[in-house]
């Protein structure tokens, strides 16, 4: 699938999704949120993938959402807002989690609001050393509850609270320190780091990749005994399938 705003392709066993609005800093209008949700759902339906990559053309990964012009019509009801605005956003975050293999975000430039949440939602996030991250929504009295929901199992609550309340712009290294980013590399080395990671993932079996993601998703809040039992069952299934 390819549109003027989002490009997608499958290269062997990796699904690439590329934001393609460099002239706007890849700010995301609502129509593109819907496209992204559909693409991630398509990726989740593929059974032969070993990774999904979300990246962006231009200087910035994603400078946030583009709300468009404010309507002078009667304000939408809470139910309408939930279905038309919040539903597609939630679909993006849910679909990323439904993909059985790792989702990798490659971040350059700025990642703000929806962009920071999208990058943080990925299972692995590689950022250029000069990338910047923020959650600026409270500057317009918009509590970023969906963005918080999708990264709160990645970022500690103290750090997330500080980011949201202060609207601070943080460096890639600081984002890595608090769990929003996995690895920081020099900007010229970003694609090389992506390719090195994909080489490693491609060398693994799909059941092994899927088991790691499933284990991380389902045992994070379990006590050791429960997590170990889940792990034994998962590992037994992988080993018996070889």
C-alpha atoms as a PDB file:
ATOM      1  CA  UNK A   1       0.000   0.000   0.000  1.00  0.00           C
ATOM      2  CA  UNK A   2       1.300   3.464  -0.875  1.00  0.00           C
ATOM      3  CA  UNK A   3      -0.154   6.931  -0.487  1.00  0.00           C
ATOM      4  CA  UNK A   4       1.386  10.369  -0.817  1.00  0.00           C
ATOM      5  CA  UNK A   5       1.517  10.706   2.969  1.00  0.00           C
ATOM      6  CA  UNK A   6       2.566   7.206   4.035  1.00  0.00           C
ATOM      7  CA  UNK A   7       4.689   4.707   2.111  1.00  0.00           C
ATOM      8  CA  UNK A   8       4.733   0.995   2.837  1.00  0.00           C
ATOM      9  CA  UNK A   9       6.560  -1.968   1.436  1.00  0.00           C
ATOM     10  CA  UNK A  10       7.530  -5.498   2.393  1.00  0.00           C
ATOM     11  CA  UNK A  11      11.214  -6.236   1.837  1.00  0.00           C
ATOM     12  CA  UNK A  12      11.675  -9.974   2.193  1.00  0.00           C
ATOM     13  CA  UNK A  13      10.400 -10.523   5.749  1.00  0.00           C
ATOM     14  CA  UNK A  14      10.321  -6.922   7.032  1.00  0.00           C
ATOM     15  CA  UNK A  15       7.336  -4.587   6.678  1.00  0.00           C
ATOM     16  CA  UNK A  16       8.426  -0.935   6.299  1.00  0.00           C
ATOM     17  CA  UNK A  17       6.018   1.932   7.061  1.00  0.00           C
ATOM     18  CA  UNK A  18       7.389   5.384   6.225  1.00  0.00           C
ATOM     19  CA  UNK A  19       5.860   8.739   7.112  1.00  0.00           C
ATOM     20  CA  UNK A  20       6.209  10.874   3.989  1.00  0.00           C
ATOM     21  CA  UNK A  21       5.240  14.442   4.861  1.00  0.00           C
ATOM     22  CA  UNK A  22       8.657  16.059   5.288  1.00  0.00           C
ATOM     23  CA  UNK A  23       7.353  19.510   4.374  1.00  0.00           C
ATOM     24  CA  UNK A  24       5.244  19.559   7.564  1.00  0.00           C
ATOM     25  CA  UNK A  25       7.726  17.825   9.844  1.00  0.00           C
ATOM     26  CA  UNK A  26       5.548  14.720   9.407  1.00  0.00           C
ATOM     27  CA  UNK A  27       2.748  16.206  11.475  1.00  0.00           C
ATOM     28  CA  UNK A  28      -0.053  13.672  11.417  1.00  0.00           C
ATOM     29  CA  UNK A  29      -3.565  14.678  10.312  1.00  0.00           C
ATOM     30  CA  UNK A  30      -6.434  12.484  11.412  1.00  0.00           C
ATOM     31  CA  UNK A  31      -6.651  10.857   7.974  1.00  0.00           C
ATOM     32  CA  UNK A  32      -3.079   9.615   8.338  1.00  0.00           C
ATOM     33  CA  UNK A  33      -3.784   8.249  11.820  1.00  0.00           C
ATOM     34  CA  UNK A  34      -6.410   6.060  10.143  1.00  0.00           C
ATOM     35  CA  UNK A  35      -3.951   4.981   7.437  1.00  0.00           C
ATOM     36  CA  UNK A  36      -1.355   4.058  10.039  1.00  0.00           C
ATOM     37  CA  UNK A  37      -3.861   2.003  12.008  1.00  0.00           C
ATOM     38  CA  UNK A  38      -4.833   0.088   8.884  1.00  0.00           C
ATOM     39  CA  UNK A  39      -1.196  -0.533   7.927  1.00  0.00           C
ATOM     40  CA  UNK A  40      -0.248  -1.807  11.367  1.00  0.00           C
ATOM     41  CA  UNK A  41      -3.290  -4.091  11.315  1.00  0.00           C
ATOM     42  CA  UNK A  42      -2.172  -5.416   7.925  1.00  0.00           C
ATOM     43  CA  UNK A  43       1.249  -6.081   9.406  1.00  0.00           C
ATOM     44  CA  UNK A  44      -0.346  -7.914  12.324  1.00  0.00           C
ATOM     45  CA  UNK A  45      -2.162 -10.186   9.867  1.00  0.00           C
ATOM     46  CA  UNK A  46       1.080 -11.241   8.145  1.00  0.00           C
ATOM     47  CA  UNK A  47       2.474 -14.485   9.527  1.00  0.00           C
ATOM     48  CA  UNK A  48       5.810 -14.483   7.670  1.00  0.00           C
ATOM     49  CA  UNK A  49       7.274 -11.233   9.001  1.00  0.00           C
ATOM     50  CA  UNK A  50      10.249 -10.993  11.314  1.00  0.00           C
ATOM     51  CA  UNK A  51      10.012  -7.262  11.995  1.00  0.00           C
ATOM     52  CA  UNK A  52       8.007  -4.125  11.265  1.00  0.00           C
ATOM     53  CA  UNK A  53       9.828  -0.793  10.872  1.00  0.00           C
ATOM     54  CA  UNK A  54       8.232   2.633  11.293  1.00  0.00           C
ATOM     55  CA  UNK A  55      10.425   5.462  10.023  1.00  0.00           C
ATOM     56  CA  UNK A  56      10.076   8.845   8.346  1.00  0.00           C
ATOM     57  CA  UNK A  57      11.376  10.855   5.417  1.00  0.00           C
ATOM     58  CA  UNK A  58      12.743  14.344   6.084  1.00  0.00           C
ATOM     59  CA  UNK A  59      14.402  16.087   8.989  1.00  0.00           C
ATOM     60  CA  UNK A  60      11.896  15.013  11.635  1.00  0.00           C
ATOM     61  CA  UNK A  61      10.289  11.733  12.651  1.00  0.00           C
ATOM     62  CA  UNK A  62       6.958  13.299  13.632  1.00  0.00           C
ATOM     63  CA  UNK A  63       6.333  16.711  15.181  1.00  0.00           C
ATOM     64  CA  UNK A  64       2.932  15.659  16.487  1.00  0.00           C
ATOM     65  CA  UNK A  65      -0.632  15.630  15.270  1.00  0.00           C
ATOM     66  CA  UNK A  66      -2.084  18.175  12.859  1.00  0.00           C
ATOM     67  CA  UNK A  67      -5.483  19.067  14.233  1.00  0.00           C
ATOM     68  CA  UNK A  68      -6.480  21.009  11.124  1.00  0.00           C
ATOM     69  CA  UNK A  69      -8.754  24.019  11.161  1.00  0.00           C
ATOM     70  CA  UNK A  70     -11.120  24.324  14.072  1.00  0.00           C
ATOM     71  CA  UNK A  71     -14.726  23.829  13.092  1.00  0.00           C
ATOM     72  CA  UNK A  72     -17.355  26.445  13.898  1.00  0.00           C
ATOM     73  CA  UNK A  73     -20.042  23.763  13.946  1.00  0.00           C
ATOM     74  CA  UNK A  74     -21.618  22.392  17.095  1.00  0.00           C
ATOM     75  CA  UNK A  75     -18.895  20.712  19.164  1.00  0.00           C
ATOM     76  CA  UNK A  76     -18.940  16.914  18.876  1.00  0.00           C
ATOM     77  CA  UNK A  77     -20.335  14.858  21.711  1.00  0.00           C
ATOM     78  CA  UNK A  78     -18.053  12.775  23.933  1.00  0.00           C
ATOM     79  CA  UNK A  79     -19.170   9.631  22.087  1.00  0.00           C
ATOM     80  CA  UNK A  80     -18.383  11.209  18.710  1.00  0.00           C
ATOM     81  CA  UNK A  81     -14.949  12.299  19.943  1.00  0.00           C
ATOM     82  CA  UNK A  82     -14.278   8.830  21.297  1.00  0.00           C
ATOM     83  CA  UNK A  83     -15.177   7.143  18.004  1.00  0.00           C
ATOM     84  CA  UNK A  84     -13.856   9.619  15.421  1.00  0.00           C
ATOM     85  CA  UNK A  85     -10.717  11.007  17.059  1.00  0.00           C
ATOM     86  CA  UNK A  86      -9.654   8.727  19.871  1.00  0.00           C
ATOM     87  CA  UNK A  87     -10.693   5.437  18.269  1.00  0.00           C
ATOM     88  CA  UNK A  88      -8.210   5.652  15.344  1.00  0.00           C
ATOM     89  CA  UNK A  89      -5.380   6.690  17.682  1.00  0.00           C
ATOM     90  CA  UNK A  90      -6.052   3.753  19.988  1.00  0.00           C
ATOM     91  CA  UNK A  91      -6.187   1.480  16.941  1.00  0.00           C
ATOM     92  CA  UNK A  92      -2.601   2.454  16.038  1.00  0.00           C
ATOM     93  CA  UNK A  93      -1.262   1.688  19.502  1.00  0.00           C
ATOM     94  CA  UNK A  94      -3.270  -1.537  19.825  1.00  0.00           C
ATOM     95  CA  UNK A  95      -2.208  -2.790  16.405  1.00  0.00           C
ATOM     96  CA  UNK A  96       1.478  -2.273  17.243  1.00  0.00           C
ATOM     97  CA  UNK A  97       1.019  -4.512  20.265  1.00  0.00           C
ATOM     98  CA  UNK A  98      -0.931  -7.077  18.229  1.00  0.00           C
ATOM     99  CA  UNK A  99       1.939  -7.569  15.771  1.00  0.00           C
ATOM    100  CA  UNK A 100       3.604 -10.804  16.867  1.00  0.00           C
ATOM    101  CA  UNK A 101       7.164  -9.755  16.010  1.00  0.00           C
ATOM    102  CA  UNK A 102       9.221  -6.704  17.041  1.00  0.00           C
ATOM    103  CA  UNK A 103       8.137  -3.261  15.850  1.00  0.00           C
ATOM    104  CA  UNK A 104      11.169  -1.023  15.369  1.00  0.00           C
ATOM    105  CA  UNK A 105      11.026   2.797  15.304  1.00  0.00           C
ATOM    106  CA  UNK A 106      13.842   4.757  13.663  1.00  0.00           C
ATOM    107  CA  UNK A 107      13.812   8.350  14.905  1.00  0.00           C
ATOM    108  CA  UNK A 108      15.592  11.435  13.627  1.00  0.00           C
ATOM    109  CA  UNK A 109      14.946  15.073  14.442  1.00  0.00           C
ATOM    110  CA  UNK A 110      11.897  15.795  16.549  1.00  0.00           C
ATOM    111  CA  UNK A 111       9.305  13.398  17.933  1.00  0.00           C
ATOM    112  CA  UNK A 112       6.612  15.286  19.806  1.00  0.00           C
ATOM    113  CA  UNK A 113       3.181  14.319  21.105  1.00  0.00           C
ATOM    114  CA  UNK A 114       1.789  11.566  18.883  1.00  0.00           C
ATOM    115  CA  UNK A 115       5.282  11.230  17.392  1.00  0.00           C
ATOM    116  CA  UNK A 116       6.862  10.571  20.786  1.00  0.00           C
ATOM    117  CA  UNK A 117       4.095   8.136  21.669  1.00  0.00           C
ATOM    118  CA  UNK A 118       4.452   6.343  18.329  1.00  0.00           C
ATOM    119  CA  UNK A 119       8.213   6.025  18.786  1.00  0.00           C
ATOM    120  CA  UNK A 120       7.797   4.907  22.376  1.00  0.00           C
ATOM    121  CA  UNK A 121       5.152   2.331  21.497  1.00  0.00           C
ATOM    122  CA  UNK A 122       7.617   0.402  19.358  1.00  0.00           C
ATOM    123  CA  UNK A 123       9.292  -2.615  20.912  1.00  0.00           C
ATOM    124  CA  UNK A 124      12.712  -1.243  19.942  1.00  0.00           C
ATOM    125  CA  UNK A 125      13.420   2.438  19.272  1.00  0.00           C
ATOM    126  CA  UNK A 126      16.694   3.624  17.758  1.00  0.00           C
ATOM    127  CA  UNK A 127      17.213   7.381  17.827  1.00  0.00           C
ATOM    128  CA  UNK A 128      19.787   9.733  16.372  1.00  0.00           C
ATOM    129  CA  UNK A 129      21.887  11.412  19.055  1.00  0.00           C
ATOM    130  CA  UNK A 130      20.404  14.828  18.237  1.00  0.00           C
ATOM    131  CA  UNK A 131      16.758  13.693  18.280  1.00  0.00           C
ATOM    132  CA  UNK A 132      14.337  15.436  20.648  1.00  0.00           C
ATOM    133  CA  UNK A 133      11.220  14.112  22.378  1.00  0.00           C
ATOM    134  CA  UNK A 134       8.338  15.801  24.187  1.00  0.00           C
ATOM    135  CA  UNK A 135       4.683  15.553  25.162  1.00  0.00           C
ATOM    136  CA  UNK A 136       3.454  19.148  24.685  1.00  0.00           C
ATOM    137  CA  UNK A 137      -0.290  18.540  24.821  1.00  0.00           C
ATOM    138  CA  UNK A 138      -0.935  20.283  28.149  1.00  0.00           C
ATOM    139  CA  UNK A 139       0.214  23.548  26.577  1.00  0.00           C
ATOM    140  CA  UNK A 140      -3.261  23.572  24.994  1.00  0.00           C
ATOM    141  CA  UNK A 141      -4.961  21.979  28.021  1.00  0.00           C
ATOM    142  CA  UNK A 142      -5.223  18.632  26.238  1.00  0.00           C
ATOM    143  CA  UNK A 143      -4.348  15.833  28.688  1.00  0.00           C
ATOM    144  CA  UNK A 144      -2.371  13.279  26.609  1.00  0.00           C
ATOM    145  CA  UNK A 145      -4.030  10.276  28.200  1.00  0.00           C
ATOM    146  CA  UNK A 146      -3.747   7.982  25.167  1.00  0.00           C
ATOM    147  CA  UNK A 147      -0.072   8.800  24.664  1.00  0.00           C
ATOM    148  CA  UNK A 148       0.503   8.158  28.357  1.00  0.00           C
ATOM    149  CA  UNK A 149      -1.386   4.860  28.189  1.00  0.00           C
ATOM    150  CA  UNK A 150       0.760   3.506  25.373  1.00  0.00           C
ATOM    151  CA  UNK A 151       4.146   4.362  26.934  1.00  0.00           C
ATOM    152  CA  UNK A 152       3.478   3.893  30.637  1.00  0.00           C
ATOM    153  CA  UNK A 153       4.750   0.308  30.512  1.00  0.00           C
ATOM    154  CA  UNK A 154       7.962   1.625  28.945  1.00  0.00           C
ATOM    155  CA  UNK A 155       8.591   4.767  31.003  1.00  0.00           C
ATOM    156  CA  UNK A 156       8.563   5.050  34.788  1.00  0.00           C
ATOM    157  CA  UNK A 157       5.621   6.959  36.245  1.00  0.00           C
ATOM    158  CA  UNK A 158       7.800   9.654  37.834  1.00  0.00           C
ATOM    159  CA  UNK A 159       9.543  10.387  34.543  1.00  0.00           C
ATOM    160  CA  UNK A 160       6.306  10.267  32.563  1.00  0.00           C
ATOM    161  CA  UNK A 161       4.567  12.610  34.991  1.00  0.00           C
ATOM    162  CA  UNK A 162       7.437  15.086  34.707  1.00  0.00           C
ATOM    163  CA  UNK A 163       7.450  14.922  30.893  1.00  0.00           C
ATOM    164  CA  UNK A 164       3.711  15.528  30.629  1.00  0.00           C
ATOM    165  CA  UNK A 165       3.407  18.229  33.290  1.00  0.00           C
ATOM    166  CA  UNK A 166       6.469  20.221  32.216  1.00  0.00           C
ATOM    167  CA  UNK A 167       6.242  19.708  28.406  1.00  0.00           C
ATOM    168  CA  UNK A 168      10.025  19.452  28.503  1.00  0.00           C
ATOM    169  CA  UNK A 169      11.997  18.648  25.344  1.00  0.00           C
ATOM    170  CA  UNK A 170      14.430  15.898  26.217  1.00  0.00           C
ATOM    171  CA  UNK A 171      17.443  14.562  24.362  1.00  0.00           C
ATOM    172  CA  UNK A 172      17.665  11.129  22.805  1.00  0.00           C
ATOM    173  CA  UNK A 173      20.055  10.051  25.556  1.00  0.00           C
ATOM    174  CA  UNK A 174      17.651  11.207  28.268  1.00  0.00           C
ATOM    175  CA  UNK A 175      14.827   9.386  26.453  1.00  0.00           C
ATOM    176  CA  UNK A 176      16.992   6.282  26.464  1.00  0.00           C
ATOM    177  CA  UNK A 177      17.740   6.666  30.173  1.00  0.00           C
ATOM    178  CA  UNK A 178      14.026   6.685  31.063  1.00  0.00           C
ATOM    179  CA  UNK A 179      13.021   3.858  28.701  1.00  0.00           C
ATOM    180  CA  UNK A 180      11.369   5.729  25.842  1.00  0.00           C
ATOM    181  CA  UNK A 181      14.285   4.854  23.516  1.00  0.00           C
ATOM    182  CA  UNK A 182      16.342   1.662  23.249  1.00  0.00           C
ATOM    183  CA  UNK A 183      19.555   2.834  21.576  1.00  0.00           C
ATOM    184  CA  UNK A 184      21.144   6.170  20.630  1.00  0.00           C
ATOM    185  CA  UNK A 185      23.528   6.416  17.678  1.00  0.00           C
ATOM    186  CA  UNK A 186      25.225   9.191  15.730  1.00  0.00           C
ATOM    187  CA  UNK A 187      22.832  10.622  13.162  1.00  0.00           C
ATOM    188  CA  UNK A 188      24.907   9.440  10.156  1.00  0.00           C
ATOM    189  CA  UNK A 189      24.846   5.904  11.587  1.00  0.00           C
ATOM    190  CA  UNK A 190      21.070   5.637  11.987  1.00  0.00           C
ATOM    191  CA  UNK A 191      20.397   3.502   8.899  1.00  0.00           C
ATOM    192  CA  UNK A 192      23.444   1.355   9.601  1.00  0.00           C
ATOM    193  CA  UNK A 193      22.100   0.678  13.101  1.00  0.00           C
ATOM    194  CA  UNK A 194      18.695  -0.182  11.648  1.00  0.00           C
ATOM    195  CA  UNK A 195      20.208  -2.607   9.150  1.00  0.00           C
ATOM    196  CA  UNK A 196      22.403  -4.246  11.792  1.00  0.00           C
ATOM    197  CA  UNK A 197      19.372  -4.842  14.010  1.00  0.00           C
ATOM    198  CA  UNK A 198      17.319  -6.239  11.121  1.00  0.00           C
ATOM    199  CA  UNK A 199      20.159  -8.600  10.259  1.00  0.00           C
ATOM    200  CA  UNK A 200      20.013  -9.942  13.800  1.00  0.00           C
ATOM    201  CA  UNK A 201      16.231 -10.291  13.778  1.00  0.00           C
ATOM    202  CA  UNK A 202      16.217 -11.983  10.382  1.00  0.00           C
ATOM    203  CA  UNK A 203      18.605 -14.604  11.747  1.00  0.00           C
ATOM    204  CA  UNK A 204      16.059 -15.663  14.364  1.00  0.00           C
ATOM    205  CA  UNK A 205      12.978 -17.842  13.883  1.00  0.00           C
ATOM    206  CA  UNK A 206       9.526 -16.278  13.920  1.00  0.00           C
ATOM    207  CA  UNK A 207       8.350 -18.435  16.880  1.00  0.00           C
ATOM    208  CA  UNK A 208      11.349 -17.307  18.933  1.00  0.00           C
ATOM    209  CA  UNK A 209      10.779 -13.632  18.097  1.00  0.00           C
ATOM    210  CA  UNK A 210       7.066 -13.904  18.797  1.00  0.00           C
ATOM    211  CA  UNK A 211       7.626 -15.685  22.114  1.00  0.00           C
ATOM    212  CA  UNK A 212       9.892 -12.916  23.409  1.00  0.00           C
ATOM    213  CA  UNK A 213       7.344 -10.229  22.534  1.00  0.00           C
ATOM    214  CA  UNK A 214       4.490 -12.242  24.024  1.00  0.00           C
ATOM    215  CA  UNK A 215       6.431 -12.895  27.220  1.00  0.00           C
ATOM    216  CA  UNK A 216       7.325  -9.230  27.696  1.00  0.00           C
ATOM    217  CA  UNK A 217       3.729  -8.172  27.079  1.00  0.00           C
ATOM    218  CA  UNK A 218       2.118 -10.652  29.444  1.00  0.00           C
ATOM    219  CA  UNK A 219       4.471 -10.990  32.396  1.00  0.00           C
ATOM    220  CA  UNK A 220       5.665  -7.466  33.155  1.00  0.00           C
ATOM    221  CA  UNK A 221       3.569  -7.120  36.309  1.00  0.00           C
ATOM    222  CA  UNK A 222       3.687 -10.764  37.390  1.00  0.00           C
ATOM    223  CA  UNK A 223       5.678 -12.097  40.305  1.00  0.00           C
ATOM    224  CA  UNK A 224       8.728 -14.176  39.432  1.00  0.00           C
ATOM    225  CA  UNK A 225       6.980 -17.512  39.943  1.00  0.00           C
ATOM    226  CA  UNK A 226       4.114 -16.617  37.632  1.00  0.00           C
ATOM    227  CA  UNK A 227       6.453 -15.168  35.015  1.00  0.00           C
ATOM    228  CA  UNK A 228       8.714 -18.213  35.205  1.00  0.00           C
ATOM    229  CA  UNK A 229       5.788 -20.607  34.723  1.00  0.00           C
ATOM    230  CA  UNK A 230       4.599 -18.577  31.721  1.00  0.00           C
ATOM    231  CA  UNK A 231       8.143 -18.626  30.392  1.00  0.00           C
ATOM    232  CA  UNK A 232       8.482 -22.408  30.817  1.00  0.00           C
ATOM    233  CA  UNK A 233       5.263 -23.012  28.901  1.00  0.00           C
ATOM    234  CA  UNK A 234       6.241 -20.621  26.118  1.00  0.00           C
ATOM    235  CA  UNK A 235       9.736 -22.037  25.786  1.00  0.00           C
ATOM    236  CA  UNK A 236       8.441 -25.600  25.741  1.00  0.00           C
ATOM    237  CA  UNK A 237       6.160 -24.740  22.831  1.00  0.00           C
ATOM    238  CA  UNK A 238       9.014 -23.158  20.861  1.00  0.00           C
ATOM    239  CA  UNK A 239      11.412 -26.031  21.486  1.00  0.00           C
ATOM    240  CA  UNK A 240       8.835 -28.691  20.672  1.00  0.00           C
ATOM    241  CA  UNK A 241       8.022 -26.998  17.374  1.00  0.00           C
ATOM    242  CA  UNK A 242      11.606 -27.296  16.081  1.00  0.00           C
END
